[in-house]
Amino acid sequence: MLRLFASLHGYQRPWLRRDLVAGLTVWAVLVPEALAYATIAGVSPVVGLYAAPGALILYAALGSSRYLVTGPMVATAALSAATVADLVPVGDNRFAAFTAGLALTTGLAALVAGVLRLGFLANFISEPVLKGFIVGLALTIIVGQVPQADCRRSAFQTSAGTMPAPWPPAVPA
């Protein structure tokens, strides 16, 4: 039988103050992360704020560790954007809906894998493969951000459209 909030079994009241401080610290980091990773995923930054609390609450209810921090990840955001972009053009009204559908499907698959206790399968992924994936993803994100760092332009592109640059161009155009 599935036990909700199993990680709270044996919780002691004196831990509450430090846990509240830890929770506020995680939240302070999570808000800008959620905004940034939603942008990387190709959806409005506000979507990241909507998604973050759900993941935290679900892990608190179903998770097995009091010490694990959950939240958005850059790898997930980039893979989500690439997957959905193959189905719907970026900027299309359906892009956010497809992204939400992908997130819900992935979450459901993770719940099923947890119920079936399939976590041991991760042991079969070698460390060089994981490191290569992380380095490749980091390089992909860096290369994708280079156009936004071009200081010679007088404007930059955002999900809201073209906005004037907040600083004068470094090199006259």
N, C-alpha and C. Protein backbone atom coordinates (compact mmCIF):
# COMPACT_ATOMS: atom_id res chain seq x y z
N MET A 1 0.84 -1.18 0.00
CA MET A 1 0.00 0.00 0.00
C MET A 1 0.89 1.25 0.00
N LEU A 2 0.48 2.23 -0.77
CA LEU A 2 1.21 3.49 -0.89
C LEU A 2 0.96 4.35 0.34
N ARG A 3 2.05 4.79 0.98
CA ARG A 3 1.94 5.61 2.18
C ARG A 3 2.28 7.05 1.84
N LEU A 4 1.37 7.98 2.08
CA LEU A 4 1.62 9.38 1.81
C LEU A 4 2.46 9.99 2.93
N PHE A 5 3.37 10.87 2.55
CA PHE A 5 4.25 11.59 3.48
C PHE A 5 5.04 10.64 4.39
N ALA A 6 5.52 9.52 3.80
CA ALA A 6 6.27 8.53 4.56
C ALA A 6 7.56 9.11 5.15
N SER A 7 8.14 10.10 4.49
CA SER A 7 9.40 10.68 4.99
C SER A 7 9.20 11.45 6.29
N LEU A 8 7.96 11.75 6.64
CA LEU A 8 7.69 12.47 7.89
C LEU A 8 7.54 11.54 9.10
N HIS A 9 7.59 10.23 8.85
CA HIS A 9 7.50 9.27 9.95
C HIS A 9 8.69 9.47 10.89
N GLY A 10 8.43 9.71 12.15
CA GLY A 10 9.49 9.94 13.12
C GLY A 10 9.98 11.38 13.16
N TYR A 11 9.26 12.29 12.51
CA TYR A 11 9.67 13.70 12.50
C TYR A 11 9.59 14.27 13.90
N GLN A 12 10.57 15.09 14.27
CA GLN A 12 10.62 15.67 15.60
C GLN A 12 10.40 17.19 15.52
N ARG A 13 9.61 17.70 16.42
CA ARG A 13 9.26 19.12 16.42
C ARG A 13 10.47 20.06 16.45
N PRO A 14 11.56 19.76 17.17
CA PRO A 14 12.71 20.68 17.18
C PRO A 14 13.35 20.89 15.79
N TRP A 15 13.09 20.01 14.85
CA TRP A 15 13.64 20.15 13.50
C TRP A 15 12.90 21.21 12.69
N LEU A 16 11.71 21.60 13.14
CA LEU A 16 10.83 22.45 12.33
C LEU A 16 11.47 23.78 11.95
N ARG A 17 12.11 24.46 12.89
CA ARG A 17 12.68 25.79 12.60
C ARG A 17 13.72 25.70 11.48
N ARG A 18 14.66 24.76 11.61
CA ARG A 18 15.70 24.61 10.59
C ARG A 18 15.11 24.15 9.26
N ASP A 19 14.10 23.30 9.31
CA ASP A 19 13.47 22.86 8.07
C ASP A 19 12.75 24.01 7.37
N LEU A 20 12.15 24.92 8.13
CA LEU A 20 11.51 26.09 7.53
C LEU A 20 12.55 26.99 6.85
N VAL A 21 13.68 27.20 7.51
CA VAL A 21 14.76 27.99 6.90
C VAL A 21 15.26 27.30 5.63
N ALA A 22 15.43 25.99 5.68
CA ALA A 22 15.88 25.25 4.49
C ALA A 22 14.84 25.35 3.37
N GLY A 23 13.56 25.26 3.72
CA GLY A 23 12.51 25.38 2.73
C GLY A 23 12.48 26.74 2.06
N LEU A 24 12.65 27.79 2.85
CA LEU A 24 12.70 29.15 2.29
C LEU A 24 13.93 29.33 1.40
N THR A 25 15.03 28.73 1.78
CA THR A 25 16.25 28.80 0.96
C THR A 25 16.03 28.11 -0.38
N VAL A 26 15.44 26.93 -0.33
CA VAL A 26 15.14 26.20 -1.58
C VAL A 26 14.20 27.03 -2.44
N TRP A 27 13.20 27.65 -1.83
CA TRP A 27 12.25 28.45 -2.59
C TRP A 27 12.95 29.66 -3.24
N ALA A 28 13.87 30.29 -2.50
CA ALA A 28 14.59 31.45 -3.04
C ALA A 28 15.42 31.07 -4.26
N VAL A 29 15.93 29.87 -4.28
CA VAL A 29 16.71 29.40 -5.43
C VAL A 29 15.77 28.90 -6.53
N LEU A 30 14.68 28.30 -6.13
CA LEU A 30 13.76 27.67 -7.08
C LEU A 30 13.05 28.68 -7.98
N VAL A 31 12.70 29.85 -7.45
CA VAL A 31 11.95 30.83 -8.25
C VAL A 31 12.73 31.28 -9.48
N PRO A 32 13.98 31.78 -9.34
CA PRO A 32 14.69 32.16 -10.57
C PRO A 32 15.01 30.97 -11.47
N GLU A 33 15.27 29.79 -10.86
CA GLU A 33 15.50 28.60 -11.68
C GLU A 33 14.27 28.28 -12.51
N ALA A 34 13.10 28.30 -11.88
CA ALA A 34 11.87 27.97 -12.59
C ALA A 34 11.62 28.94 -13.74
N LEU A 35 11.89 30.22 -13.51
CA LEU A 35 11.72 31.22 -14.57
C LEU A 35 12.67 30.95 -15.73
N ALA A 36 13.94 30.69 -15.41
CA ALA A 36 14.95 30.47 -16.45
C ALA A 36 14.69 29.18 -17.21
N TYR A 37 14.39 28.11 -16.50
CA TYR A 37 14.23 26.82 -17.17
C TYR A 37 12.95 26.78 -18.00
N ALA A 38 11.92 27.51 -17.60
CA ALA A 38 10.72 27.59 -18.44
C ALA A 38 11.05 28.28 -19.75
N THR A 39 11.89 29.32 -19.68
CA THR A 39 12.31 30.01 -20.91
C THR A 39 13.10 29.06 -21.80
N ILE A 40 14.00 28.28 -21.21
CA ILE A 40 14.77 27.30 -22.00
C ILE A 40 13.84 26.28 -22.63
N ALA A 41 12.77 25.91 -21.90
CA ALA A 41 11.81 24.93 -22.43
C ALA A 41 10.93 25.53 -23.53
N GLY A 42 11.02 26.85 -23.75
CA GLY A 42 10.27 27.47 -24.83
C GLY A 42 8.89 27.94 -24.45
N VAL A 43 8.59 28.00 -23.16
CA VAL A 43 7.28 28.48 -22.71
C VAL A 43 7.47 29.75 -21.89
N SER A 44 6.37 30.38 -21.55
CA SER A 44 6.42 31.61 -20.75
C SER A 44 7.07 31.33 -19.40
N PRO A 45 7.88 32.25 -18.89
CA PRO A 45 8.51 32.03 -17.58
C PRO A 45 7.50 31.77 -16.46
N VAL A 46 6.30 32.31 -16.58
CA VAL A 46 5.28 32.10 -15.55
C VAL A 46 4.91 30.62 -15.42
N VAL A 47 5.02 29.88 -16.52
CA VAL A 47 4.71 28.45 -16.49
C VAL A 47 5.62 27.73 -15.50
N GLY A 48 6.88 28.15 -15.42
CA GLY A 48 7.80 27.56 -14.47
C GLY A 48 7.34 27.76 -13.04
N LEU A 49 6.77 28.93 -12.75
CA LEU A 49 6.27 29.19 -11.40
C LEU A 49 5.05 28.34 -11.08
N TYR A 50 4.23 28.03 -12.10
CA TYR A 50 3.07 27.17 -11.88
C TYR A 50 3.49 25.72 -11.64
N ALA A 51 4.53 25.28 -12.32
CA ALA A 51 4.93 23.88 -12.27
C ALA A 51 5.74 23.53 -11.02
N ALA A 52 6.53 24.45 -10.52
CA ALA A 52 7.44 24.14 -9.41
C ALA A 52 6.74 23.67 -8.14
N PRO A 53 5.72 24.36 -7.64
CA PRO A 53 5.10 23.89 -6.39
C PRO A 53 4.49 22.49 -6.50
N GLY A 54 3.93 22.17 -7.65
CA GLY A 54 3.33 20.84 -7.83
C GLY A 54 4.35 19.73 -7.65
N ALA A 55 5.53 19.92 -8.23
CA ALA A 55 6.57 18.90 -8.10
C ALA A 55 7.02 18.77 -6.65
N LEU A 56 7.15 19.88 -5.95
CA LEU A 56 7.57 19.84 -4.56
C LEU A 56 6.54 19.14 -3.68
N ILE A 57 5.28 19.46 -3.88
CA ILE A 57 4.22 18.86 -3.07
C ILE A 57 4.09 17.37 -3.36
N LEU A 58 4.16 16.99 -4.64
CA LEU A 58 4.08 15.57 -4.98
C LEU A 58 5.24 14.79 -4.38
N TYR A 59 6.45 15.36 -4.42
CA TYR A 59 7.57 14.63 -3.84
C TYR A 59 7.43 14.54 -2.33
N ALA A 60 6.94 15.59 -1.69
CA ALA A 60 6.73 15.54 -0.24
C ALA A 60 5.74 14.44 0.10
N ALA A 61 4.70 14.26 -0.72
CA ALA A 61 3.68 13.25 -0.45
C ALA A 61 4.14 11.84 -0.80
N LEU A 62 4.89 11.69 -1.89
CA LEU A 62 5.21 10.35 -2.38
C LEU A 62 6.68 9.96 -2.24
N GLY A 63 7.55 10.94 -1.96
CA GLY A 63 8.98 10.67 -1.93
C GLY A 63 9.40 9.86 -0.72
N SER A 64 10.62 9.35 -0.80
CA SER A 64 11.10 8.46 0.26
C SER A 64 12.23 9.08 1.08
N SER A 65 12.67 10.29 0.74
CA SER A 65 13.81 10.88 1.44
C SER A 65 13.47 12.29 1.90
N ARG A 66 13.85 12.61 3.13
CA ARG A 66 13.67 13.97 3.64
C ARG A 66 14.75 14.90 3.12
N TYR A 67 15.82 14.37 2.60
CA TYR A 67 17.00 15.16 2.26
C TYR A 67 17.12 15.48 0.78
N LEU A 68 16.33 14.88 -0.05
CA LEU A 68 16.41 15.09 -1.48
C LEU A 68 15.70 16.38 -1.87
N VAL A 69 16.35 17.19 -2.68
CA VAL A 69 15.74 18.42 -3.17
C VAL A 69 15.27 18.17 -4.59
N THR A 70 14.04 18.49 -4.87
CA THR A 70 13.50 18.31 -6.21
C THR A 70 13.19 19.67 -6.81
N GLY A 71 13.16 19.72 -8.11
CA GLY A 71 12.84 20.97 -8.78
C GLY A 71 13.17 20.86 -10.26
N PRO A 72 13.03 21.97 -10.97
CA PRO A 72 13.30 21.94 -12.40
C PRO A 72 14.79 21.73 -12.67
N MET A 73 15.09 21.12 -13.81
CA MET A 73 16.49 20.89 -14.21
C MET A 73 16.67 21.38 -15.63
N VAL A 74 17.85 21.90 -15.91
CA VAL A 74 18.13 22.43 -17.23
C VAL A 74 18.07 21.33 -18.28
N ALA A 75 18.50 20.13 -17.94
CA ALA A 75 18.45 19.02 -18.90
C ALA A 75 17.01 18.72 -19.30
N THR A 76 16.13 18.69 -18.33
CA THR A 76 14.73 18.42 -18.60
C THR A 76 14.12 19.52 -19.48
N ALA A 77 14.47 20.76 -19.17
CA ALA A 77 13.93 21.88 -19.95
C ALA A 77 14.39 21.83 -21.40
N ALA A 78 15.68 21.57 -21.61
CA ALA A 78 16.20 21.51 -22.98
C ALA A 78 15.63 20.33 -23.76
N LEU A 79 15.54 19.18 -23.12
CA LEU A 79 14.97 18.01 -23.80
C LEU A 79 13.49 18.21 -24.09
N SER A 80 12.78 18.85 -23.18
CA SER A 80 11.37 19.14 -23.40
C SER A 80 11.18 20.05 -24.61
N ALA A 81 11.99 21.11 -24.66
CA ALA A 81 11.89 22.05 -25.79
C ALA A 81 12.19 21.35 -27.11
N ALA A 82 13.23 20.52 -27.13
CA ALA A 82 13.60 19.82 -28.37
C ALA A 82 12.51 18.83 -28.79
N THR A 83 11.94 18.13 -27.82
CA THR A 83 10.91 17.14 -28.13
C THR A 83 9.65 17.80 -28.67
N VAL A 84 9.19 18.85 -27.99
CA VAL A 84 7.95 19.51 -28.41
C VAL A 84 8.16 20.26 -29.72
N ALA A 85 9.35 20.83 -29.93
CA ALA A 85 9.62 21.58 -31.16
C ALA A 85 9.56 20.68 -32.39
N ASP A 86 9.78 19.38 -32.20
CA ASP A 86 9.64 18.44 -33.32
C ASP A 86 8.18 18.26 -33.72
N LEU A 87 7.27 18.55 -32.80
CA LEU A 87 5.84 18.34 -33.06
C LEU A 87 5.09 19.62 -33.40
N VAL A 88 5.47 20.72 -32.72
CA VAL A 88 4.76 22.00 -32.86
C VAL A 88 5.82 23.09 -32.99
N PRO A 89 5.65 24.03 -33.92
CA PRO A 89 6.63 25.11 -34.03
C PRO A 89 6.69 25.98 -32.76
N VAL A 90 7.90 26.41 -32.41
CA VAL A 90 8.06 27.29 -31.26
C VAL A 90 7.28 28.57 -31.54
N GLY A 91 6.54 29.05 -30.56
CA GLY A 91 5.73 30.25 -30.73
C GLY A 91 4.28 29.94 -31.06
N ASP A 92 4.00 28.70 -31.47
CA ASP A 92 2.63 28.29 -31.76
C ASP A 92 1.84 28.28 -30.45
N ASN A 93 0.55 28.58 -30.54
CA ASN A 93 -0.30 28.61 -29.35
C ASN A 93 -0.36 27.24 -28.66
N ARG A 94 -0.13 26.17 -29.39
CA ARG A 94 -0.21 24.82 -28.82
C ARG A 94 1.07 24.38 -28.14
N PHE A 95 2.16 25.16 -28.27
CA PHE A 95 3.46 24.75 -27.73
C PHE A 95 3.39 24.52 -26.23
N ALA A 96 2.78 25.43 -25.50
CA ALA A 96 2.67 25.29 -24.03
C ALA A 96 1.80 24.09 -23.66
N ALA A 97 0.73 23.86 -24.42
CA ALA A 97 -0.14 22.71 -24.13
C ALA A 97 0.60 21.40 -24.36
N PHE A 98 1.37 21.31 -25.44
CA PHE A 98 2.14 20.10 -25.71
C PHE A 98 3.22 19.90 -24.64
N THR A 99 3.83 21.00 -24.19
CA THR A 99 4.84 20.92 -23.14
C THR A 99 4.21 20.41 -21.85
N ALA A 100 3.04 20.91 -21.51
CA ALA A 100 2.34 20.45 -20.30
C ALA A 100 1.96 18.97 -20.43
N GLY A 101 1.50 18.59 -21.60
CA GLY A 101 1.17 17.18 -21.84
C GLY A 101 2.38 16.27 -21.69
N LEU A 102 3.52 16.72 -22.23
CA LEU A 102 4.75 15.95 -22.09
C LEU A 102 5.16 15.83 -20.62
N ALA A 103 5.05 16.92 -19.87
CA ALA A 103 5.40 16.91 -18.44
C ALA A 103 4.50 15.96 -17.67
N LEU A 104 3.21 16.00 -17.93
CA LEU A 104 2.28 15.11 -17.22
C LEU A 104 2.52 13.64 -17.59
N THR A 105 2.78 13.37 -18.86
CA THR A 105 3.07 12.00 -19.29
C THR A 105 4.35 11.49 -18.65
N THR A 106 5.38 12.33 -18.62
CA THR A 106 6.64 11.95 -18.00
C THR A 106 6.46 11.72 -16.50
N GLY A 107 5.71 12.57 -15.84
CA GLY A 107 5.43 12.40 -14.42
C GLY A 107 4.68 11.11 -14.14
N LEU A 108 3.71 10.79 -14.98
CA LEU A 108 2.96 9.55 -14.82
C LEU A 108 3.88 8.34 -15.00
N ALA A 109 4.76 8.41 -16.00
CA ALA A 109 5.72 7.32 -16.21
C ALA A 109 6.64 7.16 -15.01
N ALA A 110 7.06 8.29 -14.41
CA ALA A 110 7.91 8.22 -13.22
C ALA A 110 7.17 7.61 -12.04
N LEU A 111 5.89 7.95 -11.88
CA LEU A 111 5.10 7.35 -10.80
C LEU A 111 4.95 5.84 -10.99
N VAL A 112 4.70 5.42 -12.22
CA VAL A 112 4.58 3.98 -12.50
C VAL A 112 5.92 3.28 -12.23
N ALA A 113 7.02 3.90 -12.67
CA ALA A 113 8.34 3.31 -12.41
C ALA A 113 8.62 3.22 -10.92
N GLY A 114 8.18 4.22 -10.15
CA GLY A 114 8.37 4.17 -8.70
C GLY A 114 7.56 3.07 -8.04
N VAL A 115 6.31 2.92 -8.47
CA VAL A 115 5.46 1.88 -7.92
C VAL A 115 6.04 0.50 -8.25
N LEU A 116 6.59 0.35 -9.46
CA LEU A 116 7.18 -0.92 -9.88
C LEU A 116 8.62 -1.10 -9.38
N ARG A 117 9.14 -0.10 -8.66
CA ARG A 117 10.50 -0.13 -8.11
C ARG A 117 11.55 -0.42 -9.18
N LEU A 118 11.53 0.43 -10.22
CA LEU A 118 12.45 0.27 -11.35
C LEU A 118 13.69 1.16 -11.24
N GLY A 119 13.92 1.75 -10.10
CA GLY A 119 15.07 2.63 -9.91
C GLY A 119 16.41 1.95 -10.14
N PHE A 120 16.48 0.65 -9.93
CA PHE A 120 17.74 -0.08 -10.12
C PHE A 120 18.23 -0.01 -11.56
N LEU A 121 17.35 0.27 -12.50
CA LEU A 121 17.76 0.34 -13.92
C LEU A 121 18.76 1.47 -14.16
N ALA A 122 18.72 2.52 -13.33
CA ALA A 122 19.67 3.64 -13.49
C ALA A 122 21.10 3.19 -13.24
N ASN A 123 21.29 2.12 -12.50
CA ASN A 123 22.64 1.60 -12.25
C ASN A 123 23.31 1.08 -13.52
N PHE A 124 22.54 0.80 -14.55
CA PHE A 124 23.10 0.28 -15.80
C PHE A 124 23.59 1.37 -16.74
N ILE A 125 23.37 2.64 -16.40
CA ILE A 125 23.87 3.75 -17.21
C ILE A 125 25.26 4.09 -16.70
N SER A 126 26.26 3.95 -17.55
CA SER A 126 27.64 4.15 -17.11
C SER A 126 27.93 5.63 -16.83
N GLU A 127 28.90 5.88 -15.97
CA GLU A 127 29.28 7.25 -15.60
C GLU A 127 29.77 8.06 -16.80
N PRO A 128 30.59 7.50 -17.71
CA PRO A 128 31.00 8.29 -18.88
C PRO A 128 29.82 8.72 -19.75
N VAL A 129 28.80 7.89 -19.85
CA VAL A 129 27.62 8.27 -20.64
C VAL A 129 26.90 9.44 -19.97
N LEU A 130 26.74 9.38 -18.66
CA LEU A 130 26.09 10.48 -17.94
C LEU A 130 26.89 11.77 -18.06
N LYS A 131 28.22 11.68 -17.89
CA LYS A 131 29.05 12.89 -18.00
C LYS A 131 29.02 13.45 -19.41
N GLY A 132 29.07 12.59 -20.40
CA GLY A 132 28.98 13.05 -21.79
C GLY A 132 27.67 13.75 -22.07
N PHE A 133 26.58 13.20 -21.54
CA PHE A 133 25.26 13.82 -21.71
C PHE A 133 25.25 15.21 -21.08
N ILE A 134 25.77 15.33 -19.87
CA ILE A 134 25.76 16.62 -19.16
C ILE A 134 26.62 17.65 -19.88
N VAL A 135 27.83 17.25 -20.31
CA VAL A 135 28.72 18.19 -21.01
C VAL A 135 28.11 18.60 -22.35
N GLY A 136 27.57 17.65 -23.07
CA GLY A 136 26.93 17.96 -24.35
C GLY A 136 25.76 18.91 -24.19
N LEU A 137 24.97 18.68 -23.16
CA LEU A 137 23.84 19.55 -22.90
C LEU A 137 24.31 20.95 -22.54
N ALA A 138 25.34 21.04 -21.70
CA ALA A 138 25.87 22.35 -21.31
C ALA A 138 26.37 23.11 -22.53
N LEU A 139 27.09 22.43 -23.41
CA LEU A 139 27.59 23.10 -24.63
C LEU A 139 26.45 23.55 -25.53
N THR A 140 25.41 22.73 -25.64
CA THR A 140 24.25 23.09 -26.45
C THR A 140 23.59 24.36 -25.90
N ILE A 141 23.44 24.45 -24.59
CA ILE A 141 22.81 25.62 -23.98
C ILE A 141 23.69 26.86 -24.16
N ILE A 142 25.01 26.70 -23.97
CA ILE A 142 25.92 27.84 -24.13
C ILE A 142 25.86 28.37 -25.55
N VAL A 143 25.94 27.49 -26.53
CA VAL A 143 25.90 27.91 -27.94
C VAL A 143 24.56 28.57 -28.25
N GLY A 144 23.48 28.06 -27.67
CA GLY A 144 22.16 28.65 -27.89
C GLY A 144 22.00 30.02 -27.27
N GLN A 145 22.79 30.33 -26.25
CA GLN A 145 22.68 31.62 -25.58
C GLN A 145 23.60 32.68 -26.16
N VAL A 146 24.55 32.31 -27.01
CA VAL A 146 25.50 33.27 -27.58
C VAL A 146 24.79 34.42 -28.31
N PRO A 147 23.76 34.16 -29.12
CA PRO A 147 23.10 35.29 -29.78
C PRO A 147 22.50 36.31 -28.79
N GLN A 148 22.03 35.86 -27.63
CA GLN A 148 21.47 36.78 -26.65
C GLN A 148 22.57 37.60 -25.97
N ALA A 149 23.81 37.14 -26.02
CA ALA A 149 24.92 37.86 -25.38
C ALA A 149 25.63 38.81 -26.34
N ASP A 150 25.16 38.92 -27.56
CA ASP A 150 25.78 39.79 -28.56
C ASP A 150 25.47 41.25 -28.20
N CYS A 151 26.45 41.95 -27.66
CA CYS A 151 26.26 43.33 -27.17
C CYS A 151 26.22 44.35 -28.30
N ARG A 152 26.53 43.95 -29.53
CA ARG A 152 26.56 44.91 -30.63
C ARG A 152 25.18 45.22 -31.14
N ARG A 153 24.20 44.40 -30.80
CA ARG A 153 22.84 44.65 -31.28
C ARG A 153 22.17 45.73 -30.44
N SER A 154 21.23 46.45 -31.04
CA SER A 154 20.52 47.49 -30.30
C SER A 154 19.26 46.95 -29.65
N ALA A 155 18.89 45.72 -29.95
CA ALA A 155 17.71 45.11 -29.35
C ALA A 155 17.96 43.62 -29.21
N PHE A 156 17.21 42.97 -28.35
CA PHE A 156 17.35 41.53 -28.20
C PHE A 156 15.97 40.89 -28.21
N GLN A 157 15.95 39.62 -28.58
CA GLN A 157 14.70 38.89 -28.71
C GLN A 157 14.34 38.22 -27.39
N THR A 158 13.09 38.27 -27.01
CA THR A 158 12.58 37.54 -25.85
C THR A 158 11.31 36.84 -26.30
N SER A 159 10.72 36.06 -25.40
CA SER A 159 9.47 35.39 -25.74
C SER A 159 8.35 36.41 -25.95
N ALA A 160 8.52 37.64 -25.43
CA ALA A 160 7.50 38.68 -25.59
C ALA A 160 7.72 39.48 -26.87
N GLY A 161 8.81 39.25 -27.58
CA GLY A 161 9.11 39.98 -28.80
C GLY A 161 10.43 40.71 -28.68
N THR A 162 10.63 41.71 -29.55
CA THR A 162 11.87 42.47 -29.54
C THR A 162 11.78 43.58 -28.51
N MET A 163 12.81 43.67 -27.68
CA MET A 163 12.86 44.71 -26.65
C MET A 163 14.13 45.51 -26.83
N PRO A 164 14.13 46.81 -26.50
CA PRO A 164 15.36 47.57 -26.59
C PRO A 164 16.38 47.06 -25.57
N ALA A 165 17.64 47.07 -25.95
CA ALA A 165 18.68 46.61 -25.04
C ALA A 165 18.79 47.57 -23.86
N PRO A 166 19.06 47.04 -22.65
CA PRO A 166 19.14 47.90 -21.48
C PRO A 166 20.45 48.64 -21.36
N TRP A 167 21.36 48.48 -22.32
CA TRP A 167 22.65 49.16 -22.30
C TRP A 167 22.99 49.59 -23.72
N PRO A 168 23.84 50.58 -23.88
CA PRO A 168 24.22 51.00 -25.24
C PRO A 168 25.11 49.93 -25.88
N PRO A 169 25.11 49.84 -27.20
CA PRO A 169 25.97 48.86 -27.85
C PRO A 169 27.44 49.09 -27.52
N ALA A 170 28.17 47.98 -27.32
CA ALA A 170 29.61 48.08 -27.00
C ALA A 170 30.42 48.50 -28.22
N VAL A 171 29.98 48.06 -29.40
CA VAL A 171 30.68 48.37 -30.64
C VAL A 171 29.67 49.04 -31.58
N PRO A 172 29.98 50.20 -32.11
CA PRO A 172 29.03 50.85 -33.03
C PRO A 172 28.70 49.96 -34.20
N ALA A 173 27.44 49.88 -34.57
CA ALA A 173 27.03 49.01 -35.65
C ALA A 173 27.29 49.65 -37.00
